[in-house]
């Protein structure tokens, strides 16, 4: 993902086939394998499921963090990069 973001920062047009290949290879992906998935839309249902799940726990944006215990009970749900410290603190508390 960071290579994809870097492509935007560099102004690489990811709508072009050769640009996607460049991004994939820079990310360490095998282009022969990656190109097989270019027109695969199976990800759409996973994305929709994740969006609905995010709304269910009261979040509406990214980055969102949700921490569950071993029984899948919610321990923490926060939104925003500035809350990552809270996630780290809760993980530390639970591991002690």
PDB file of N, CA and C in Angstrom:
ATOM      1  N   UNK A   1       0.825  -1.184   0.000  1.00  0.00           N
ATOM      2  CA  UNK A   1       0.000   0.000   0.000  1.00  0.00           C
ATOM      3  C   UNK A   1       0.872   1.251   0.000  1.00  0.00           C
ATOM      4  N   UNK A   2       1.986   1.222   0.721  1.00  0.00           N
ATOM      5  CA  UNK A   2       2.821   2.419   0.764  1.00  0.00           C
ATOM      6  C   UNK A   2       3.383   2.743  -0.618  1.00  0.00           C
ATOM      7  N   UNK A   3       3.671   1.719  -1.404  1.00  0.00           N
ATOM      8  CA  UNK A   3       4.165   1.966  -2.764  1.00  0.00           C
ATOM      9  C   UNK A   3       3.077   2.602  -3.624  1.00  0.00           C
ATOM     10  N   UNK A   4       1.841   2.200  -3.415  1.00  0.00           N
ATOM     11  CA  UNK A   4       0.722   2.779  -4.161  1.00  0.00           C
ATOM     12  C   UNK A   4       0.559   4.258  -3.790  1.00  0.00           C
ATOM     13  N   UNK A   5       0.659   4.571  -2.496  1.00  0.00           N
ATOM     14  CA  UNK A   5       0.571   5.973  -2.053  1.00  0.00           C
ATOM     15  C   UNK A   5       1.743   6.779  -2.595  1.00  0.00           C
ATOM     16  N   UNK A   6       2.910   6.173  -2.602  1.00  0.00           N
ATOM     17  CA  UNK A   6       4.095   6.844  -3.130  1.00  0.00           C
ATOM     18  C   UNK A   6       3.904   7.173  -4.617  1.00  0.00           C
ATOM     19  N   UNK A   7       3.225   6.289  -5.340  1.00  0.00           N
ATOM     20  CA  UNK A   7       2.961   6.533  -6.762  1.00  0.00           C
ATOM     21  C   UNK A   7       2.144   7.809  -6.945  1.00  0.00           C
ATOM     22  N   UNK A   8       1.148   8.015  -6.099  1.00  0.00           N
ATOM     23  CA  UNK A   8       0.351   9.240  -6.186  1.00  0.00           C
ATOM     24  C   UNK A   8       1.205  10.465  -5.875  1.00  0.00           C
ATOM     25  N   UNK A   9       2.065  10.356  -4.871  1.00  0.00           N
ATOM     26  CA  UNK A   9       2.932  11.476  -4.515  1.00  0.00           C
ATOM     27  C   UNK A   9       3.877  11.822  -5.663  1.00  0.00           C
ATOM     28  N   UNK A  10       4.261  10.814  -6.426  1.00  0.00           N
ATOM     29  CA  UNK A  10       5.163  11.029  -7.563  1.00  0.00           C
ATOM     30  C   UNK A  10       4.409  11.417  -8.836  1.00  0.00           C
ATOM     31  N   UNK A  11       3.098  11.413  -8.774  1.00  0.00           N
ATOM     32  CA  UNK A  11       2.302  11.778  -9.942  1.00  0.00           C
ATOM     33  C   UNK A  11       2.209  10.692 -10.992  1.00  0.00           C
ATOM     34  N   UNK A  12       2.376   9.435 -10.581  1.00  0.00           N
ATOM     35  CA  UNK A  12       2.273   8.312 -11.522  1.00  0.00           C
ATOM     36  C   UNK A  12       0.800   8.043 -11.804  1.00  0.00           C
ATOM     37  N   UNK A  13       0.446   7.999 -13.076  1.00  0.00           N
ATOM     38  CA  UNK A  13      -0.937   7.755 -13.483  1.00  0.00           C
ATOM     39  C   UNK A  13      -1.231   6.258 -13.389  1.00  0.00           C
ATOM     40  N   UNK A  14      -1.908   5.861 -12.330  1.00  0.00           N
ATOM     41  CA  UNK A  14      -2.181   4.444 -12.087  1.00  0.00           C
ATOM     42  C   UNK A  14      -3.336   3.907 -12.925  1.00  0.00           C
ATOM     43  N   UNK A  15      -3.867   4.715 -13.820  1.00  0.00           N
ATOM     44  CA  UNK A  15      -4.872   4.229 -14.765  1.00  0.00           C
ATOM     45  C   UNK A  15      -4.224   3.561 -15.973  1.00  0.00           C
ATOM     46  N   UNK A  16      -2.930   3.683 -16.085  1.00  0.00           N
ATOM     47  CA  UNK A  16      -2.215   3.090 -17.219  1.00  0.00           C
ATOM     48  C   UNK A  16      -1.611   1.757 -16.802  1.00  0.00           C
ATOM     49  N   UNK A  17      -1.722   0.793 -17.707  1.00  0.00           N
ATOM     50  CA  UNK A  17      -1.275  -0.569 -17.445  1.00  0.00           C
ATOM     51  C   UNK A  17       0.196  -0.622 -17.010  1.00  0.00           C
ATOM     52  N   UNK A  18       1.075   0.077 -17.736  1.00  0.00           N
ATOM     53  CA  UNK A  18       2.499   0.008 -17.400  1.00  0.00           C
ATOM     54  C   UNK A  18       2.791   0.670 -16.049  1.00  0.00           C
ATOM     55  N   UNK A  19       1.982   1.648 -15.665  1.00  0.00           N
ATOM     56  CA  UNK A  19       2.172   2.293 -14.359  1.00  0.00           C
ATOM     57  C   UNK A  19       1.786   1.354 -13.228  1.00  0.00           C
ATOM     58  N   UNK A  20       0.689   0.623 -13.416  1.00  0.00           N
ATOM     59  CA  UNK A  20       0.279  -0.359 -12.403  1.00  0.00           C
ATOM     60  C   UNK A  20       1.362  -1.420 -12.260  1.00  0.00           C
ATOM     61  N   UNK A  21       1.935  -1.837 -13.370  1.00  0.00           N
ATOM     62  CA  UNK A  21       3.008  -2.831 -13.326  1.00  0.00           C
ATOM     63  C   UNK A  21       4.188  -2.291 -12.524  1.00  0.00           C
ATOM     64  N   UNK A  22       4.544  -1.049 -12.760  1.00  0.00           N
ATOM     65  CA  UNK A  22       5.662  -0.428 -12.045  1.00  0.00           C
ATOM     66  C   UNK A  22       5.386  -0.393 -10.542  1.00  0.00           C
ATOM     67  N   UNK A  23       4.191   0.012 -10.158  1.00  0.00           N
ATOM     68  CA  UNK A  23       3.822   0.077  -8.743  1.00  0.00           C
ATOM     69  C   UNK A  23       3.861  -1.320  -8.122  1.00  0.00           C
ATOM     70  N   UNK A  24       3.294  -2.297  -8.813  1.00  0.00           N
ATOM     71  CA  UNK A  24       3.268  -3.670  -8.296  1.00  0.00           C
ATOM     72  C   UNK A  24       4.678  -4.210  -8.101  1.00  0.00           C
ATOM     73  N   UNK A  25       5.522  -4.038  -9.093  1.00  0.00           N
ATOM     74  CA  UNK A  25       6.890  -4.544  -8.997  1.00  0.00           C
ATOM     75  C   UNK A  25       7.685  -3.809  -7.927  1.00  0.00           C
ATOM     76  N   UNK A  26       7.480  -2.499  -7.789  1.00  0.00           N
ATOM     77  CA  UNK A  26       8.164  -1.743  -6.737  1.00  0.00           C
ATOM     78  C   UNK A  26       7.722  -2.187  -5.348  1.00  0.00           C
ATOM     79  N   UNK A  27       6.496  -2.716  -5.265  1.00  0.00           N
ATOM     80  CA  UNK A  27       5.992  -3.224  -3.988  1.00  0.00           C
ATOM     81  C   UNK A  27       6.450  -4.658  -3.733  1.00  0.00           C
ATOM     82  N   UNK A  28       7.201  -5.227  -4.678  1.00  0.00           N
ATOM     83  CA  UNK A  28       7.720  -6.579  -4.498  1.00  0.00           C
ATOM     84  C   UNK A  28       6.775  -7.674  -4.957  1.00  0.00           C
ATOM     85  N   UNK A  29       5.744  -7.307  -5.718  1.00  0.00           N
ATOM     86  CA  UNK A  29       4.790  -8.304  -6.203  1.00  0.00           C
ATOM     87  C   UNK A  29       5.245  -8.879  -7.537  1.00  0.00           C
ATOM     88  N   UNK A  30       4.888 -10.116  -7.771  1.00  0.00           N
ATOM     89  CA  UNK A  30       5.146 -10.766  -9.049  1.00  0.00           C
ATOM     90  C   UNK A  30       4.109 -10.255 -10.042  1.00  0.00           C
ATOM     91  N   UNK A  31       4.546  -9.526 -11.066  1.00  0.00           N
ATOM     92  CA  UNK A  31       3.621  -8.918 -12.004  1.00  0.00           C
ATOM     93  C   UNK A  31       2.770  -9.955 -12.717  1.00  0.00           C
ATOM     94  N   UNK A  32       3.348 -11.110 -13.049  1.00  0.00           N
ATOM     95  CA  UNK A  32       2.570 -12.149 -13.737  1.00  0.00           C
ATOM     96  C   UNK A  32       1.389 -12.586 -12.885  1.00  0.00           C
ATOM     97  N   UNK A  33       1.595 -12.674 -11.581  1.00  0.00           N
ATOM     98  CA  UNK A  33       0.503 -13.039 -10.665  1.00  0.00           C
ATOM     99  C   UNK A  33      -0.443 -11.858 -10.462  1.00  0.00           C
ATOM    100  N   UNK A  34       0.108 -10.683 -10.241  1.00  0.00           N
ATOM    101  CA  UNK A  34      -0.710  -9.500  -9.940  1.00  0.00           C
ATOM    102  C   UNK A  34      -1.652  -9.150 -11.085  1.00  0.00           C
ATOM    103  N   UNK A  35      -1.189  -9.249 -12.308  1.00  0.00           N
ATOM    104  CA  UNK A  35      -2.030  -8.836 -13.439  1.00  0.00           C
ATOM    105  C   UNK A  35      -3.243  -9.734 -13.624  1.00  0.00           C
ATOM    106  N   UNK A  36      -3.181 -10.954 -13.082  1.00  0.00           N
ATOM    107  CA  UNK A  36      -4.334 -11.850 -13.155  1.00  0.00           C
ATOM    108  C   UNK A  36      -5.512 -11.312 -12.345  1.00  0.00           C
ATOM    109  N   UNK A  37      -5.229 -10.411 -11.423  1.00  0.00           N
ATOM    110  CA  UNK A  37      -6.257  -9.890 -10.518  1.00  0.00           C
ATOM    111  C   UNK A  37      -6.733  -8.482 -10.885  1.00  0.00           C
ATOM    112  N   UNK A  38      -6.233  -7.940 -11.968  1.00  0.00           N
ATOM    113  CA  UNK A  38      -6.569  -6.560 -12.337  1.00  0.00           C
ATOM    114  C   UNK A  38      -8.063  -6.325 -12.527  1.00  0.00           C
ATOM    115  N   UNK A  39      -8.754  -7.252 -13.098  1.00  0.00           N
ATOM    116  CA  UNK A  39     -10.178  -7.056 -13.381  1.00  0.00           C
ATOM    117  C   UNK A  39     -11.064  -7.895 -12.472  1.00  0.00           C
ATOM    118  N   UNK A  40     -10.491  -8.382 -11.395  1.00  0.00           N
ATOM    119  CA  UNK A  40     -11.223  -9.188 -10.416  1.00  0.00           C
ATOM    120  C   UNK A  40     -11.934  -8.238  -9.453  1.00  0.00           C
ATOM    121  N   UNK A  41     -13.232  -8.375  -9.313  1.00  0.00           N
ATOM    122  CA  UNK A  41     -13.972  -7.486  -8.415  1.00  0.00           C
ATOM    123  C   UNK A  41     -14.463  -8.198  -7.154  1.00  0.00           C
ATOM    124  N   UNK A  42     -13.835  -9.318  -6.822  1.00  0.00           N
ATOM    125  CA  UNK A  42     -14.216 -10.049  -5.608  1.00  0.00           C
ATOM    126  C   UNK A  42     -13.975  -9.241  -4.337  1.00  0.00           C
ATOM    127  N   UNK A  43     -13.107  -8.251  -4.397  1.00  0.00           N
ATOM    128  CA  UNK A  43     -12.794  -7.427  -3.242  1.00  0.00           C
ATOM    129  C   UNK A  43     -13.975  -6.544  -2.838  1.00  0.00           C
ATOM    130  N   UNK A  44     -14.899  -6.305  -3.748  1.00  0.00           N
ATOM    131  CA  UNK A  44     -15.981  -5.365  -3.469  1.00  0.00           C
ATOM    132  C   UNK A  44     -16.865  -5.817  -2.309  1.00  0.00           C
ATOM    133  N   UNK A  45     -17.181  -7.095  -2.223  1.00  0.00           N
ATOM    134  CA  UNK A  45     -18.018  -7.576  -1.126  1.00  0.00           C
ATOM    135  C   UNK A  45     -17.281  -7.476   0.208  1.00  0.00           C
ATOM    136  N   UNK A  46     -15.989  -7.797   0.213  1.00  0.00           N
ATOM    137  CA  UNK A  46     -15.191  -7.666   1.430  1.00  0.00           C
ATOM    138  C   UNK A  46     -15.166  -6.210   1.892  1.00  0.00           C
ATOM    139  N   UNK A  47     -14.993  -5.301   0.961  1.00  0.00           N
ATOM    140  CA  UNK A  47     -14.990  -3.877   1.287  1.00  0.00           C
ATOM    141  C   UNK A  47     -16.331  -3.439   1.869  1.00  0.00           C
ATOM    142  N   UNK A  48     -17.417  -3.886   1.256  1.00  0.00           N
ATOM    143  CA  UNK A  48     -18.754  -3.530   1.747  1.00  0.00           C
ATOM    144  C   UNK A  48     -19.000  -4.119   3.132  1.00  0.00           C
ATOM    145  N   UNK A  49     -18.588  -5.361   3.353  1.00  0.00           N
ATOM    146  CA  UNK A  49     -18.735  -5.986   4.673  1.00  0.00           C
ATOM    147  C   UNK A  49     -17.961  -5.205   5.726  1.00  0.00           C
ATOM    148  N   UNK A  50     -16.748  -4.788   5.386  1.00  0.00           N
ATOM    149  CA  UNK A  50     -15.937  -4.009   6.323  1.00  0.00           C
ATOM    150  C   UNK A  50     -16.566  -2.649   6.608  1.00  0.00           C
ATOM    151  N   UNK A  51     -17.112  -2.018   5.577  1.00  0.00           N
ATOM    152  CA  UNK A  51     -17.760  -0.712   5.762  1.00  0.00           C
ATOM    153  C   UNK A  51     -18.952  -0.834   6.702  1.00  0.00           C
ATOM    154  N   UNK A  52     -19.777  -1.846   6.488  1.00  0.00           N
ATOM    155  CA  UNK A  52     -20.945  -2.047   7.348  1.00  0.00           C
ATOM    156  C   UNK A  52     -20.534  -2.372   8.778  1.00  0.00           C
ATOM    157  N   UNK A  53     -19.502  -3.180   8.928  1.00  0.00           N
ATOM    158  CA  UNK A  53     -18.990  -3.508  10.259  1.00  0.00           C
ATOM    159  C   UNK A  53     -18.494  -2.254  10.971  1.00  0.00           C
ATOM    160  N   UNK A  54     -17.810  -1.403  10.238  1.00  0.00           N
ATOM    161  CA  UNK A  54     -17.301  -0.156  10.800  1.00  0.00           C
ATOM    162  C   UNK A  54     -18.455   0.724  11.275  1.00  0.00           C
ATOM    163  N   UNK A  55     -19.504   0.830  10.492  1.00  0.00           N
ATOM    164  CA  UNK A  55     -20.674   1.615  10.883  1.00  0.00           C
ATOM    165  C   UNK A  55     -21.350   1.017  12.112  1.00  0.00           C
ATOM    166  N   UNK A  56     -21.386  -0.315  12.196  1.00  0.00           N
ATOM    167  CA  UNK A  56     -22.017  -0.978  13.342  1.00  0.00           C
ATOM    168  C   UNK A  56     -21.346  -0.609  14.653  1.00  0.00           C
ATOM    169  N   UNK A  57     -20.024  -0.453  14.645  1.00  0.00           N
ATOM    170  CA  UNK A  57     -19.364  -0.099  15.902  1.00  0.00           C
ATOM    171  C   UNK A  57     -19.161   1.404  16.052  1.00  0.00           C
ATOM    172  N   UNK A  58     -19.885   2.175  15.239  1.00  0.00           N
ATOM    173  CA  UNK A  58     -19.933   3.614  15.445  1.00  0.00           C
ATOM    174  C   UNK A  58     -18.828   4.408  14.791  1.00  0.00           C
ATOM    175  N   UNK A  59     -18.120   3.808  13.879  1.00  0.00           N
ATOM    176  CA  UNK A  59     -17.075   4.540  13.185  1.00  0.00           C
ATOM    177  C   UNK A  59     -17.537   4.839  11.765  1.00  0.00           C
ATOM    178  N   UNK A  60     -16.946   5.854  11.186  1.00  0.00           N
ATOM    179  CA  UNK A  60     -17.362   6.245   9.842  1.00  0.00           C
ATOM    180  C   UNK A  60     -16.184   6.641   8.960  1.00  0.00           C
ATOM    181  N   UNK A  61     -14.987   6.522   9.469  1.00  0.00           N
ATOM    182  CA  UNK A  61     -13.836   6.955   8.685  1.00  0.00           C
ATOM    183  C   UNK A  61     -12.606   6.119   8.938  1.00  0.00           C
ATOM    184  N   UNK A  62     -11.573   6.472   8.248  1.00  0.00           N
ATOM    185  CA  UNK A  62     -10.308   5.775   8.404  1.00  0.00           C
ATOM    186  C   UNK A  62      -9.241   6.768   8.835  1.00  0.00           C
ATOM    187  N   UNK A  63      -8.274   6.333   9.601  1.00  0.00           N
ATOM    188  CA  UNK A  63      -8.145   4.969  10.097  1.00  0.00           C
ATOM    189  C   UNK A  63      -9.035   4.737  11.312  1.00  0.00           C
ATOM    190  N   UNK A  64      -9.624   3.586  11.355  1.00  0.00           N
ATOM    191  CA  UNK A  64     -10.431   3.157  12.503  1.00  0.00           C
ATOM    192  C   UNK A  64      -9.763   1.944  13.125  1.00  0.00           C
ATOM    193  N   UNK A  65      -9.801   1.881  14.422  1.00  0.00           N
ATOM    194  CA  UNK A  65      -9.179   0.765  15.135  1.00  0.00           C
ATOM    195  C   UNK A  65     -10.218   0.132  16.043  1.00  0.00           C
ATOM    196  N   UNK A  66     -10.279  -1.170  15.989  1.00  0.00           N
ATOM    197  CA  UNK A  66     -11.214  -1.901  16.837  1.00  0.00           C
ATOM    198  C   UNK A  66     -10.475  -3.084  17.423  1.00  0.00           C
ATOM    199  N   UNK A  67     -10.436  -3.139  18.727  1.00  0.00           N
ATOM    200  CA  UNK A  67      -9.726  -4.199  19.429  1.00  0.00           C
ATOM    201  C   UNK A  67     -10.740  -5.114  20.090  1.00  0.00           C
ATOM    202  N   UNK A  68     -10.632  -6.408  19.790  1.00  0.00           N
ATOM    203  CA  UNK A  68     -11.536  -7.411  20.352  1.00  0.00           C
ATOM    204  C   UNK A  68     -10.754  -8.336  21.265  1.00  0.00           C
ATOM    205  N   UNK A  69     -11.432  -8.879  22.281  1.00  0.00           N
ATOM    206  CA  UNK A  69     -10.775  -9.867  23.127  1.00  0.00           C
ATOM    207  C   UNK A  69     -10.879 -11.244  22.480  1.00  0.00           C
ATOM    208  N   UNK A  70     -10.396 -12.269  23.185  1.00  0.00           N
ATOM    209  CA  UNK A  70     -10.382 -13.616  22.619  1.00  0.00           C
ATOM    210  C   UNK A  70     -11.783 -14.163  22.355  1.00  0.00           C
ATOM    211  N   UNK A  71     -12.797 -13.579  22.980  1.00  0.00           N
ATOM    212  CA  UNK A  71     -14.186 -13.993  22.751  1.00  0.00           C
ATOM    213  C   UNK A  71     -14.899 -13.085  21.748  1.00  0.00           C
ATOM    214  N   UNK A  72     -14.125 -12.242  21.102  1.00  0.00           N
ATOM    215  CA  UNK A  72     -14.623 -11.290  20.108  1.00  0.00           C
ATOM    216  C   UNK A  72     -15.533 -10.216  20.695  1.00  0.00           C
ATOM    217  N   UNK A  73     -15.346  -9.935  21.989  1.00  0.00           N
ATOM    218  CA  UNK A  73     -16.033  -8.809  22.621  1.00  0.00           C
ATOM    219  C   UNK A  73     -15.190  -7.555  22.394  1.00  0.00           C
ATOM    220  N   UNK A  74     -15.852  -6.470  22.109  1.00  0.00           N
ATOM    221  CA  UNK A  74     -15.137  -5.226  21.853  1.00  0.00           C
ATOM    222  C   UNK A  74     -14.501  -4.696  23.126  1.00  0.00           C
ATOM    223  N   UNK A  75     -13.218  -4.418  23.045  1.00  0.00           N
ATOM    224  CA  UNK A  75     -12.467  -3.848  24.155  1.00  0.00           C
ATOM    225  C   UNK A  75     -12.245  -2.357  23.916  1.00  0.00           C
ATOM    226  N   UNK A  76     -12.080  -2.006  22.661  1.00  0.00           N
ATOM    227  CA  UNK A  76     -11.799  -0.614  22.317  1.00  0.00           C
ATOM    228  C   UNK A  76     -12.187  -0.374  20.857  1.00  0.00           C
ATOM    229  N   UNK A  77     -12.775   0.765  20.598  1.00  0.00           N
ATOM    230  CA  UNK A  77     -13.076   1.184  19.226  1.00  0.00           C
ATOM    231  C   UNK A  77     -12.833   2.684  19.143  1.00  0.00           C
ATOM    232  N   UNK A  78     -11.878   3.078  18.321  1.00  0.00           N
ATOM    233  CA  UNK A  78     -11.529   4.490  18.183  1.00  0.00           C
ATOM    234  C   UNK A  78     -11.283   4.817  16.718  1.00  0.00           C
ATOM    235  N   UNK A  79     -11.361   6.094  16.418  1.00  0.00           N
ATOM    236  CA  UNK A  79     -11.129   6.583  15.070  1.00  0.00           C
ATOM    237  C   UNK A  79     -10.042   7.631  15.124  1.00  0.00           C
ATOM    238  N   UNK A  80      -9.152   7.590  14.156  1.00  0.00           N
ATOM    239  CA  UNK A  80      -8.157   8.646  14.009  1.00  0.00           C
ATOM    240  C   UNK A  80      -6.749   8.200  14.316  1.00  0.00           C
ATOM    241  N   UNK A  81      -5.834   8.649  13.497  1.00  0.00           N
ATOM    242  CA  UNK A  81      -4.425   8.325  13.654  1.00  0.00           C
ATOM    243  C   UNK A  81      -3.898   8.768  15.016  1.00  0.00           C
ATOM    244  N   UNK A  82      -4.454   9.849  15.534  1.00  0.00           N
ATOM    245  CA  UNK A  82      -3.989  10.358  16.819  1.00  0.00           C
ATOM    246  C   UNK A  82      -4.451   9.502  17.995  1.00  0.00           C
ATOM    247  N   UNK A  83      -5.218   8.450  17.741  1.00  0.00           N
ATOM    248  CA  UNK A  83      -5.672   7.548  18.804  1.00  0.00           C
ATOM    249  C   UNK A  83      -4.876   6.243  18.849  1.00  0.00           C
ATOM    250  N   UNK A  84      -3.891   6.125  17.978  1.00  0.00           N
ATOM    251  CA  UNK A  84      -3.107   4.893  17.933  1.00  0.00           C
ATOM    252  C   UNK A  84      -2.402   4.624  19.259  1.00  0.00           C
ATOM    253  N   UNK A  85      -2.014   5.677  19.960  1.00  0.00           N
ATOM    254  CA  UNK A  85      -1.386   5.507  21.267  1.00  0.00           C
ATOM    255  C   UNK A  85      -2.335   4.797  22.226  1.00  0.00           C
ATOM    256  N   UNK A  86      -3.622   5.075  22.105  1.00  0.00           N
ATOM    257  CA  UNK A  86      -4.623   4.458  22.965  1.00  0.00           C
ATOM    258  C   UNK A  86      -4.737   2.958  22.680  1.00  0.00           C
ATOM    259  N   UNK A  87      -4.665   2.607  21.415  1.00  0.00           N
ATOM    260  CA  UNK A  87      -4.688   1.192  21.034  1.00  0.00           C
ATOM    261  C   UNK A  87      -3.473   0.487  21.633  1.00  0.00           C
ATOM    262  N   UNK A  88      -2.302   1.093  21.494  1.00  0.00           N
ATOM    263  CA  UNK A  88      -1.074   0.504  22.040  1.00  0.00           C
ATOM    264  C   UNK A  88      -1.165   0.350  23.553  1.00  0.00           C
ATOM    265  N   UNK A  89      -1.706   1.352  24.219  1.00  0.00           N
ATOM    266  CA  UNK A  89      -1.852   1.297  25.676  1.00  0.00           C
ATOM    267  C   UNK A  89      -2.783   0.162  26.085  1.00  0.00           C
ATOM    268  N   UNK A  90      -3.890   0.003  25.386  1.00  0.00           N
ATOM    269  CA  UNK A  90      -4.866  -1.040  25.719  1.00  0.00           C
ATOM    270  C   UNK A  90      -4.284  -2.429  25.468  1.00  0.00           C
ATOM    271  N   UNK A  91      -3.557  -2.589  24.382  1.00  0.00           N
ATOM    272  CA  UNK A  91      -2.909  -3.878  24.092  1.00  0.00           C
ATOM    273  C   UNK A  91      -1.920  -4.212  25.202  1.00  0.00           C
ATOM    274  N   UNK A  92      -1.164  -3.222  25.635  1.00  0.00           N
ATOM    275  CA  UNK A  92      -0.198  -3.433  26.720  1.00  0.00           C
ATOM    276  C   UNK A  92      -0.915  -3.833  28.002  1.00  0.00           C
ATOM    277  N   UNK A  93      -1.982  -3.132  28.338  1.00  0.00           N
ATOM    278  CA  UNK A  93      -2.762  -3.458  29.542  1.00  0.00           C
ATOM    279  C   UNK A  93      -3.277  -4.890  29.500  1.00  0.00           C
ATOM    280  N   UNK A  94      -3.799  -5.284  28.371  1.00  0.00           N
ATOM    281  CA  UNK A  94      -4.391  -6.616  28.242  1.00  0.00           C
ATOM    282  C   UNK A  94      -3.355  -7.728  28.228  1.00  0.00           C
ATOM    283  N   UNK A  95      -2.127  -7.398  27.893  1.00  0.00           N
ATOM    284  CA  UNK A  95      -1.089  -8.424  27.834  1.00  0.00           C
ATOM    285  C   UNK A  95      -0.349  -8.591  29.154  1.00  0.00           C
ATOM    286  N   UNK A  96      -0.637  -7.741  30.116  1.00  0.00           N
ATOM    287  CA  UNK A  96       0.043  -7.827  31.423  1.00  0.00           C
ATOM    288  C   UNK A  96      -0.617  -8.835  32.327  1.00  0.00           C
TER     289      UNK A  96
END
